[in-house]
Amino acid sequence: MNDAALFDAFLTAIAAGNDDATERLALQLTPDAEPALLALLMAPDADQRWWGVRALARCGGMAAIPGAAAQLADADPGIRAAALLALAHLHQRQPNAVTPYLDQVADCLKDDDGMVRQVAADALAQCGDDAVPALARILFQQAHEGARTRAAGALRKIATMKAAGVLYALLNDSNHLVRAYAYEGLDDMGLLETVLVTLQ
């Protein structure tokens, strides 16, 4: 099946609501499909936008990054969540290009939708050290306690020395969940004993 036929089949599967077939076809798309997928992001149909983002996560390049980031403002929470995961996947291939968008990803920790908030935390954790400054900004400059808690949880998952540097500063945080993530994260890394000795 050539690229044009494959993309037509992809669109047909979306229209039919056949998620299994659409996923199989999405996995076969190549970087040559990127322009057509970016056009799908502007479609009035939410399913087309969702699958456009999903496929770009798999085969998108540099041009997909601002396209996916723009979907963080979509009215549909499912599309916002898909865009967050797409940026995390794109970060694996183009970390330097995605990193400037991680503040926007971190702002989704305050999203009205709980699923989007959790996916934002997971996406940031997948971005590792590059996400630490954005997470620190949420923790030290935001008053939204739910966002701060998820940010601390993401730092615990990142579990690097860069993340530990922020977690140290949270050991006496006023939010008990943030404190718990800080203690657990440092303990998991074998650093909590050092902290306790230092504090004595």
C-alpha atoms as a PDB file:
ATOM      1  CA  MET A   1       0.000   0.000   0.000  1.00  0.00           C
ATOM      2  CA  ASN A   2       1.524   3.334  -1.014  1.00  0.00           C
ATOM      3  CA  ASP A   3       1.558   6.361   1.300  1.00  0.00           C
ATOM      4  CA  ALA A   4      -1.497   8.019  -0.249  1.00  0.00           C
ATOM      5  CA  ALA A   5      -3.559   4.833  -0.099  1.00  0.00           C
ATOM      6  CA  LEU A   6      -2.434   4.206   3.464  1.00  0.00           C
ATOM      7  CA  PHE A   7      -3.497   7.673   4.564  1.00  0.00           C
ATOM      8  CA  ASP A   8      -6.867   7.290   2.813  1.00  0.00           C
ATOM      9  CA  ALA A   9      -7.383   4.002   4.651  1.00  0.00           C
ATOM     10  CA  PHE A  10      -6.422   5.763   7.895  1.00  0.00           C
ATOM     11  CA  LEU A  11      -9.085   8.428   7.294  1.00  0.00           C
ATOM     12  CA  THR A  12     -11.661   5.779   6.410  1.00  0.00           C
ATOM     13  CA  ALA A  13     -10.964   3.871   9.622  1.00  0.00           C
ATOM     14  CA  ILE A  14     -11.344   7.083  11.655  1.00  0.00           C
ATOM     15  CA  ALA A  15     -14.677   7.815  10.007  1.00  0.00           C
ATOM     16  CA  ALA A  16     -15.846   4.253  10.699  1.00  0.00           C
ATOM     17  CA  GLY A  17     -14.902   4.554  14.374  1.00  0.00           C
ATOM     18  CA  ASN A  18     -12.743   1.438  14.070  1.00  0.00           C
ATOM     19  CA  ASP A  19     -10.086   2.200  16.661  1.00  0.00           C
ATOM     20  CA  ASP A  20      -8.164  -1.079  16.236  1.00  0.00           C
ATOM     21  CA  ALA A  21      -7.813  -0.612  12.494  1.00  0.00           C
ATOM     22  CA  THR A  22      -6.975   3.076  12.885  1.00  0.00           C
ATOM     23  CA  GLU A  23      -4.210   2.279  15.376  1.00  0.00           C
ATOM     24  CA  ARG A  24      -2.725  -0.369  13.075  1.00  0.00           C
ATOM     25  CA  LEU A  25      -2.703   2.097  10.199  1.00  0.00           C
ATOM     26  CA  ALA A  26      -1.322   4.907  12.365  1.00  0.00           C
ATOM     27  CA  LEU A  27       1.658   2.713  13.208  1.00  0.00           C
ATOM     28  CA  GLN A  28       2.374   2.251   9.499  1.00  0.00           C
ATOM     29  CA  LEU A  29       2.419   5.958   8.638  1.00  0.00           C
ATOM     30  CA  THR A  30       5.802   7.424   7.753  1.00  0.00           C
ATOM     31  CA  PRO A  31       7.272  10.906   8.251  1.00  0.00           C
ATOM     32  CA  ASP A  32       6.010  11.715   4.743  1.00  0.00           C
ATOM     33  CA  ALA A  33       2.499  11.816   6.235  1.00  0.00           C
ATOM     34  CA  GLU A  34       3.401  14.663   8.589  1.00  0.00           C
ATOM     35  CA  PRO A  35       1.929  17.521   6.467  1.00  0.00           C
ATOM     36  CA  ALA A  36      -1.390  15.680   6.079  1.00  0.00           C
ATOM     37  CA  LEU A  37      -1.468  14.848   9.784  1.00  0.00           C
ATOM     38  CA  LEU A  38      -0.788  18.475  10.694  1.00  0.00           C
ATOM     39  CA  ALA A  39      -3.740  19.452   8.507  1.00  0.00           C
ATOM     40  CA  LEU A  40      -5.894  16.996  10.477  1.00  0.00           C
ATOM     41  CA  LEU A  41      -5.178  19.003  13.634  1.00  0.00           C
ATOM     42  CA  MET A  42      -7.312  21.789  12.158  1.00  0.00           C
ATOM     43  CA  ALA A  43     -10.240  19.483  11.377  1.00  0.00           C
ATOM     44  CA  PRO A  44     -13.625  20.284  12.960  1.00  0.00           C
ATOM     45  CA  ASP A  45     -14.030  16.586  13.787  1.00  0.00           C
ATOM     46  CA  ALA A  46     -12.573  15.763  17.214  1.00  0.00           C
ATOM     47  CA  ASP A  47     -11.782  12.161  16.214  1.00  0.00           C
ATOM     48  CA  GLN A  48      -9.672  13.358  13.303  1.00  0.00           C
ATOM     49  CA  ARG A  49      -7.819  15.805  15.543  1.00  0.00           C
ATOM     50  CA  TRP A  50      -7.188  13.111  18.164  1.00  0.00           C
ATOM     51  CA  TRP A  51      -5.863  10.612  15.647  1.00  0.00           C
ATOM     52  CA  GLY A  52      -3.786  13.320  13.966  1.00  0.00           C
ATOM     53  CA  VAL A  53      -2.036  13.977  17.271  1.00  0.00           C
ATOM     54  CA  ARG A  54      -1.711  10.271  18.006  1.00  0.00           C
ATOM     55  CA  ALA A  55      -0.065   9.546  14.658  1.00  0.00           C
ATOM     56  CA  LEU A  56       2.279  12.523  14.941  1.00  0.00           C
ATOM     57  CA  ALA A  57       3.504  11.102  18.248  1.00  0.00           C
ATOM     58  CA  ARG A  58       4.624   8.066  16.269  1.00  0.00           C
ATOM     59  CA  CYS A  59       6.032   9.554  13.055  1.00  0.00           C
ATOM     60  CA  GLY A  60       6.189  13.336  13.523  1.00  0.00           C
ATOM     61  CA  GLY A  61       9.332  15.426  13.321  1.00  0.00           C
ATOM     62  CA  MET A  62      10.211  19.021  14.091  1.00  0.00           C
ATOM     63  CA  ALA A  63       7.067  20.463  12.487  1.00  0.00           C
ATOM     64  CA  ALA A  64       4.875  18.267  14.684  1.00  0.00           C
ATOM     65  CA  ILE A  65       6.113  19.886  17.890  1.00  0.00           C
ATOM     66  CA  PRO A  66       4.372  23.284  17.659  1.00  0.00           C
ATOM     67  CA  GLY A  67       1.372  21.513  16.129  1.00  0.00           C
ATOM     68  CA  ALA A  68       1.033  19.204  19.102  1.00  0.00           C
ATOM     69  CA  ALA A  69       1.657  22.043  21.556  1.00  0.00           C
ATOM     70  CA  ALA A  70      -1.184  24.040  20.000  1.00  0.00           C
ATOM     71  CA  GLN A  71      -3.551  21.163  20.811  1.00  0.00           C
ATOM     72  CA  LEU A  72      -2.942  21.697  24.531  1.00  0.00           C
ATOM     73  CA  ALA A  73      -5.608  24.404  24.238  1.00  0.00           C
ATOM     74  CA  ASP A  74      -8.164  22.172  22.470  1.00  0.00           C
ATOM     75  CA  ALA A  75     -11.650  22.190  23.984  1.00  0.00           C
ATOM     76  CA  ASP A  76     -11.673  18.369  24.062  1.00  0.00           C
ATOM     77  CA  PRO A  77      -9.798  16.976  27.107  1.00  0.00           C
ATOM     78  CA  GLY A  78      -9.005  13.766  25.238  1.00  0.00           C
ATOM     79  CA  ILE A  79      -7.161  15.750  22.602  1.00  0.00           C
ATOM     80  CA  ARG A  80      -5.299  17.755  25.243  1.00  0.00           C
ATOM     81  CA  ALA A  81      -4.206  14.478  26.846  1.00  0.00           C
ATOM     82  CA  ALA A  82      -3.142  13.030  23.484  1.00  0.00           C
ATOM     83  CA  ALA A  83      -1.127  16.173  22.775  1.00  0.00           C
ATOM     84  CA  LEU A  84       0.677  15.851  26.102  1.00  0.00           C
ATOM     85  CA  LEU A  85       1.657  12.270  25.350  1.00  0.00           C
ATOM     86  CA  ALA A  86       2.673  13.246  21.818  1.00  0.00           C
ATOM     87  CA  LEU A  87       5.045  15.876  23.180  1.00  0.00           C
ATOM     88  CA  ALA A  88       6.550  13.319  25.537  1.00  0.00           C
ATOM     89  CA  HIS A  89       7.120  10.928  22.618  1.00  0.00           C
ATOM     90  CA  LEU A  90       8.495  13.707  20.423  1.00  0.00           C
ATOM     91  CA  HIS A  91      10.853  14.648  23.247  1.00  0.00           C
ATOM     92  CA  GLN A  92      12.483  11.234  22.932  1.00  0.00           C
ATOM     93  CA  ARG A  93      13.408  12.068  19.324  1.00  0.00           C
ATOM     94  CA  GLN A  94      13.831  15.852  19.478  1.00  0.00           C
ATOM     95  CA  PRO A  95      14.560  16.770  23.124  1.00  0.00           C
ATOM     96  CA  ASN A  96      16.070  20.180  22.446  1.00  0.00           C
ATOM     97  CA  ALA A  97      13.130  21.235  20.303  1.00  0.00           C
ATOM     98  CA  VAL A  98      10.468  20.031  22.758  1.00  0.00           C
ATOM     99  CA  THR A  99      12.063  21.357  25.955  1.00  0.00           C
ATOM    100  CA  PRO A 100      10.950  24.997  25.361  1.00  0.00           C
ATOM    101  CA  TYR A 101       7.350  23.756  25.386  1.00  0.00           C
ATOM    102  CA  LEU A 102       7.593  21.982  28.749  1.00  0.00           C
ATOM    103  CA  ASP A 103       6.362  25.037  30.642  1.00  0.00           C
ATOM    104  CA  GLN A 104       3.129  24.745  28.641  1.00  0.00           C
ATOM    105  CA  VAL A 105       2.965  21.065  29.516  1.00  0.00           C
ATOM    106  CA  ALA A 106       3.491  21.914  33.197  1.00  0.00           C
ATOM    107  CA  ASP A 107       0.649  24.441  33.066  1.00  0.00           C
ATOM    108  CA  CYS A 108      -1.636  21.512  32.210  1.00  0.00           C
ATOM    109  CA  LEU A 109      -1.085  20.261  35.770  1.00  0.00           C
ATOM    110  CA  LYS A 110      -3.795  22.841  36.585  1.00  0.00           C
ATOM    111  CA  ASP A 111      -6.203  21.646  33.869  1.00  0.00           C
ATOM    112  CA  ASP A 112      -9.896  21.436  34.752  1.00  0.00           C
ATOM    113  CA  ASP A 113      -9.916  17.759  33.724  1.00  0.00           C
ATOM    114  CA  GLY A 114      -8.383  15.222  36.091  1.00  0.00           C
ATOM    115  CA  MET A 115      -7.256  12.889  33.320  1.00  0.00           C
ATOM    116  CA  VAL A 116      -5.387  15.743  31.620  1.00  0.00           C
ATOM    117  CA  ARG A 117      -3.711  16.689  34.912  1.00  0.00           C
ATOM    118  CA  GLN A 118      -2.474  13.134  35.431  1.00  0.00           C
ATOM    119  CA  VAL A 119      -1.297  12.731  31.840  1.00  0.00           C
ATOM    120  CA  ALA A 120       0.593  16.029  32.148  1.00  0.00           C
ATOM    121  CA  ALA A 121       2.439  14.693  35.197  1.00  0.00           C
ATOM    122  CA  ASP A 122       3.233  11.432  33.406  1.00  0.00           C
ATOM    123  CA  ALA A 123       4.425  13.268  30.277  1.00  0.00           C
ATOM    124  CA  LEU A 124       6.732  15.494  32.315  1.00  0.00           C
ATOM    125  CA  ALA A 125       8.143  12.499  34.161  1.00  0.00           C
ATOM    126  CA  GLN A 126       8.953  10.895  30.793  1.00  0.00           C
ATOM    127  CA  CYS A 127      10.928  14.007  29.814  1.00  0.00           C
ATOM    128  CA  GLY A 128      13.337  13.498  32.717  1.00  0.00           C
ATOM    129  CA  ASP A 129      15.811  16.199  33.667  1.00  0.00           C
ATOM    130  CA  ASP A 130      14.605  18.526  30.906  1.00  0.00           C
ATOM    131  CA  ALA A 131      11.279  18.840  32.769  1.00  0.00           C
ATOM    132  CA  VAL A 132      12.786  19.648  36.181  1.00  0.00           C
ATOM    133  CA  PRO A 133      12.863  23.467  35.716  1.00  0.00           C
ATOM    134  CA  ALA A 134       9.202  23.512  34.618  1.00  0.00           C
ATOM    135  CA  LEU A 135       8.219  21.350  37.594  1.00  0.00           C
ATOM    136  CA  ALA A 136      10.196  23.551  39.975  1.00  0.00           C
ATOM    137  CA  ARG A 137       8.384  26.601  38.626  1.00  0.00           C
ATOM    138  CA  ILE A 138       5.039  25.001  39.466  1.00  0.00           C
ATOM    139  CA  LEU A 139       6.222  24.030  42.939  1.00  0.00           C
ATOM    140  CA  PHE A 140       7.774  27.341  43.924  1.00  0.00           C
ATOM    141  CA  GLN A 141       5.708  29.891  41.998  1.00  0.00           C
ATOM    142  CA  GLN A 142       2.193  28.423  41.921  1.00  0.00           C
ATOM    143  CA  ALA A 143      -0.469  28.280  44.605  1.00  0.00           C
ATOM    144  CA  HIS A 144      -2.510  25.497  42.931  1.00  0.00           C
ATOM    145  CA  GLU A 145      -1.961  22.675  45.413  1.00  0.00           C
ATOM    146  CA  GLY A 146      -3.165  19.932  43.101  1.00  0.00           C
ATOM    147  CA  ALA A 147      -0.654  21.033  40.471  1.00  0.00           C
ATOM    148  CA  ARG A 148       2.096  21.242  43.075  1.00  0.00           C
ATOM    149  CA  THR A 149       1.327  17.736  44.334  1.00  0.00           C
ATOM    150  CA  ARG A 150       1.450  16.243  40.844  1.00  0.00           C
ATOM    151  CA  ALA A 151       4.666  18.145  40.117  1.00  0.00           C
ATOM    152  CA  ALA A 152       6.290  16.636  43.195  1.00  0.00           C
ATOM    153  CA  GLY A 153       5.063  13.203  42.128  1.00  0.00           C
ATOM    154  CA  ALA A 154       6.634  13.687  38.705  1.00  0.00           C
ATOM    155  CA  LEU A 155       9.946  14.643  40.299  1.00  0.00           C
ATOM    156  CA  ARG A 156       9.822  11.481  42.381  1.00  0.00           C
ATOM    157  CA  LYS A 157       9.397   9.433  39.178  1.00  0.00           C
ATOM    158  CA  ILE A 158      12.258  11.266  37.435  1.00  0.00           C
ATOM    159  CA  ALA A 159      14.525  10.250  40.336  1.00  0.00           C
ATOM    160  CA  THR A 160      17.743  11.926  39.172  1.00  0.00           C
ATOM    161  CA  MET A 161      20.150  14.116  41.105  1.00  0.00           C
ATOM    162  CA  LYS A 162      18.698  17.165  39.354  1.00  0.00           C
ATOM    163  CA  ALA A 163      15.233  16.175  40.575  1.00  0.00           C
ATOM    164  CA  ALA A 164      16.638  15.439  44.035  1.00  0.00           C
ATOM    165  CA  GLY A 165      17.927  18.999  44.255  1.00  0.00           C
ATOM    166  CA  VAL A 166      14.338  20.234  44.074  1.00  0.00           C
ATOM    167  CA  LEU A 167      12.992  17.496  46.341  1.00  0.00           C
ATOM    168  CA  TYR A 168      15.442  18.511  49.083  1.00  0.00           C
ATOM    169  CA  ALA A 169      13.830  21.960  49.142  1.00  0.00           C
ATOM    170  CA  LEU A 170      10.385  20.391  49.634  1.00  0.00           C
ATOM    171  CA  LEU A 171      11.077  18.416  52.805  1.00  0.00           C
ATOM    172  CA  ASN A 172       9.405  21.081  54.938  1.00  0.00           C
ATOM    173  CA  ASP A 173       6.730  22.097  52.437  1.00  0.00           C
ATOM    174  CA  SER A 174       3.367  23.145  53.840  1.00  0.00           C
ATOM    175  CA  ASN A 175       1.584  20.598  51.612  1.00  0.00           C
ATOM    176  CA  HIS A 176       1.786  17.194  53.292  1.00  0.00           C
ATOM    177  CA  LEU A 177       1.516  15.327  49.972  1.00  0.00           C
ATOM    178  CA  VAL A 178       4.371  17.336  48.501  1.00  0.00           C
ATOM    179  CA  ARG A 179       6.427  16.557  51.622  1.00  0.00           C
ATOM    180  CA  ALA A 180       5.562  12.874  51.300  1.00  0.00           C
ATOM    181  CA  TYR A 181       6.682  12.739  47.661  1.00  0.00           C
ATOM    182  CA  ALA A 182       9.905  14.521  48.598  1.00  0.00           C
ATOM    183  CA  TYR A 183      10.701  12.084  51.411  1.00  0.00           C
ATOM    184  CA  GLU A 184       9.704   9.023  49.381  1.00  0.00           C
ATOM    185  CA  GLY A 185      11.637  10.176  46.321  1.00  0.00           C
ATOM    186  CA  LEU A 186      14.806  10.868  48.271  1.00  0.00           C
ATOM    187  CA  ASP A 187      14.410   7.625  50.205  1.00  0.00           C
ATOM    188  CA  ASP A 188      13.984   5.623  46.984  1.00  0.00           C
ATOM    189  CA  MET A 189      17.219   7.176  45.710  1.00  0.00           C
ATOM    190  CA  GLY A 190      19.053   6.308  48.913  1.00  0.00           C
ATOM    191  CA  LEU A 191      19.464   9.991  49.771  1.00  0.00           C
ATOM    192  CA  LEU A 192      17.104  10.369  52.718  1.00  0.00           C
ATOM    193  CA  GLU A 193      19.589   9.080  55.287  1.00  0.00           C
ATOM    194  CA  THR A 194      22.049  11.738  54.132  1.00  0.00           C
ATOM    195  CA  VAL A 195      19.370  14.380  54.572  1.00  0.00           C
ATOM    196  CA  LEU A 196      18.476  13.240  58.085  1.00  0.00           C
ATOM    197  CA  VAL A 197      22.115  13.188  59.156  1.00  0.00           C
ATOM    198  CA  THR A 198      22.575  16.687  57.771  1.00  0.00           C
ATOM    199  CA  LEU A 199      19.505  17.988  59.603  1.00  0.00           C
ATOM    200  CA  GLN A 200      20.601  16.634  63.002  1.00  0.00           C
END
